[in-house]
């Protein structure tokens, strides 16, 4: 899964506790508002990149649409 700008800082920190430090670094409050509302455009991409690095995820490690059931091999 990739952290995206429509997610809330509260939900992100509940799933990935390691992200709290990143939010503190950028002075982003832990709230129920989406990141795209909380963070200015020029800081948003930097924040998203760092958050995804912390959780070990990127657009290259994930497929659009999320997780998919593996096909059965016979």
C-alpha atoms as a PDB file:
ATOM      1  CA  UNK A   1       0.000   0.000   0.000  1.00  0.00           C
ATOM      2  CA  UNK A   2       1.186   3.511  -0.770  1.00  0.00           C
ATOM      3  CA  UNK A   3       0.398   6.427   1.551  1.00  0.00           C
ATOM      4  CA  UNK A   4      -1.568   8.983  -0.463  1.00  0.00           C
ATOM      5  CA  UNK A   5      -2.633  12.597  -0.007  1.00  0.00           C
ATOM      6  CA  UNK A   6      -6.284  11.696   0.638  1.00  0.00           C
ATOM      7  CA  UNK A   7      -5.372   9.728   3.774  1.00  0.00           C
ATOM      8  CA  UNK A   8      -5.489  11.249   7.249  1.00  0.00           C
ATOM      9  CA  UNK A   9      -2.461  11.575   9.477  1.00  0.00           C
ATOM     10  CA  UNK A  10      -4.413   9.899  12.276  1.00  0.00           C
ATOM     11  CA  UNK A  11      -5.224   6.812  10.191  1.00  0.00           C
ATOM     12  CA  UNK A  12      -1.655   6.598   8.883  1.00  0.00           C
ATOM     13  CA  UNK A  13      -0.122   6.706  12.374  1.00  0.00           C
ATOM     14  CA  UNK A  14      -2.604   4.120  13.654  1.00  0.00           C
ATOM     15  CA  UNK A  15      -1.469   1.666  10.983  1.00  0.00           C
ATOM     16  CA  UNK A  16       2.218   2.633  10.805  1.00  0.00           C
ATOM     17  CA  UNK A  17       3.471   3.926  14.168  1.00  0.00           C
ATOM     18  CA  UNK A  18       6.903   4.761  12.724  1.00  0.00           C
ATOM     19  CA  UNK A  19       5.349   7.597  10.712  1.00  0.00           C
ATOM     20  CA  UNK A  20       4.696   9.722  13.828  1.00  0.00           C
ATOM     21  CA  UNK A  21       8.289  10.990  13.719  1.00  0.00           C
ATOM     22  CA  UNK A  22       7.879  12.136  10.120  1.00  0.00           C
ATOM     23  CA  UNK A  23       4.725  14.088  10.957  1.00  0.00           C
ATOM     24  CA  UNK A  24       6.537  15.686  13.907  1.00  0.00           C
ATOM     25  CA  UNK A  25       9.500  16.601  11.676  1.00  0.00           C
ATOM     26  CA  UNK A  26       7.194  18.487   9.288  1.00  0.00           C
ATOM     27  CA  UNK A  27       4.955  19.899  12.056  1.00  0.00           C
ATOM     28  CA  UNK A  28       1.887  18.108  10.705  1.00  0.00           C
ATOM     29  CA  UNK A  29      -0.787  17.539  13.352  1.00  0.00           C
ATOM     30  CA  UNK A  30      -2.292  14.084  13.881  1.00  0.00           C
ATOM     31  CA  UNK A  31      -5.925  14.695  12.910  1.00  0.00           C
ATOM     32  CA  UNK A  32      -8.819  13.315  10.880  1.00  0.00           C
ATOM     33  CA  UNK A  33      -8.169  15.762   8.041  1.00  0.00           C
ATOM     34  CA  UNK A  34      -6.651  14.545   4.785  1.00  0.00           C
ATOM     35  CA  UNK A  35      -3.001  15.342   4.169  1.00  0.00           C
ATOM     36  CA  UNK A  36      -3.954  17.342   1.082  1.00  0.00           C
ATOM     37  CA  UNK A  37      -5.835  19.729   3.411  1.00  0.00           C
ATOM     38  CA  UNK A  38      -3.163  19.881   6.122  1.00  0.00           C
ATOM     39  CA  UNK A  39      -0.043  20.328   4.011  1.00  0.00           C
ATOM     40  CA  UNK A  40       0.878  22.852   1.330  1.00  0.00           C
ATOM     41  CA  UNK A  41       1.430  21.525  -2.178  1.00  0.00           C
ATOM     42  CA  UNK A  42       5.173  22.189  -2.207  1.00  0.00           C
ATOM     43  CA  UNK A  43       5.701  20.223   1.046  1.00  0.00           C
ATOM     44  CA  UNK A  44       3.144  17.479   0.338  1.00  0.00           C
ATOM     45  CA  UNK A  45       5.191  15.463  -2.157  1.00  0.00           C
ATOM     46  CA  UNK A  46       8.272  15.549   0.068  1.00  0.00           C
ATOM     47  CA  UNK A  47       6.165  14.397   3.028  1.00  0.00           C
ATOM     48  CA  UNK A  48       4.544  11.572   1.049  1.00  0.00           C
ATOM     49  CA  UNK A  49       7.911  10.378  -0.237  1.00  0.00           C
ATOM     50  CA  UNK A  50       9.395  10.286   3.258  1.00  0.00           C
ATOM     51  CA  UNK A  51       6.324   8.578   4.763  1.00  0.00           C
ATOM     52  CA  UNK A  52       6.401   5.887   2.084  1.00  0.00           C
ATOM     53  CA  UNK A  53      10.140   5.396   2.566  1.00  0.00           C
ATOM     54  CA  UNK A  54       9.566   4.848   6.290  1.00  0.00           C
ATOM     55  CA  UNK A  55       6.968   2.139   5.656  1.00  0.00           C
ATOM     56  CA  UNK A  56       8.974   0.602   2.808  1.00  0.00           C
ATOM     57  CA  UNK A  57       6.448   1.341   0.091  1.00  0.00           C
ATOM     58  CA  UNK A  58       6.498   3.167  -3.218  1.00  0.00           C
ATOM     59  CA  UNK A  59       4.598   3.313  -6.464  1.00  0.00           C
ATOM     60  CA  UNK A  60       7.116   0.836  -7.866  1.00  0.00           C
ATOM     61  CA  UNK A  61       6.355  -1.730  -5.153  1.00  0.00           C
ATOM     62  CA  UNK A  62       2.573  -1.479  -5.444  1.00  0.00           C
ATOM     63  CA  UNK A  63       0.065  -2.032  -8.185  1.00  0.00           C
ATOM     64  CA  UNK A  64      -2.825   0.279  -8.948  1.00  0.00           C
ATOM     65  CA  UNK A  65      -5.985  -0.891  -7.243  1.00  0.00           C
ATOM     66  CA  UNK A  66      -4.175  -2.430  -4.285  1.00  0.00           C
ATOM     67  CA  UNK A  67      -3.691  -6.028  -3.298  1.00  0.00           C
ATOM     68  CA  UNK A  68      -4.749  -8.778  -5.645  1.00  0.00           C
ATOM     69  CA  UNK A  69      -5.349 -12.453  -4.923  1.00  0.00           C
ATOM     70  CA  UNK A  70      -2.551 -14.570  -6.377  1.00  0.00           C
ATOM     71  CA  UNK A  71      -3.591 -16.882  -9.167  1.00  0.00           C
ATOM     72  CA  UNK A  72      -3.741 -20.577  -8.354  1.00  0.00           C
ATOM     73  CA  UNK A  73      -0.946 -22.645  -9.796  1.00  0.00           C
ATOM     74  CA  UNK A  74      -1.547 -26.230 -10.730  1.00  0.00           C
END
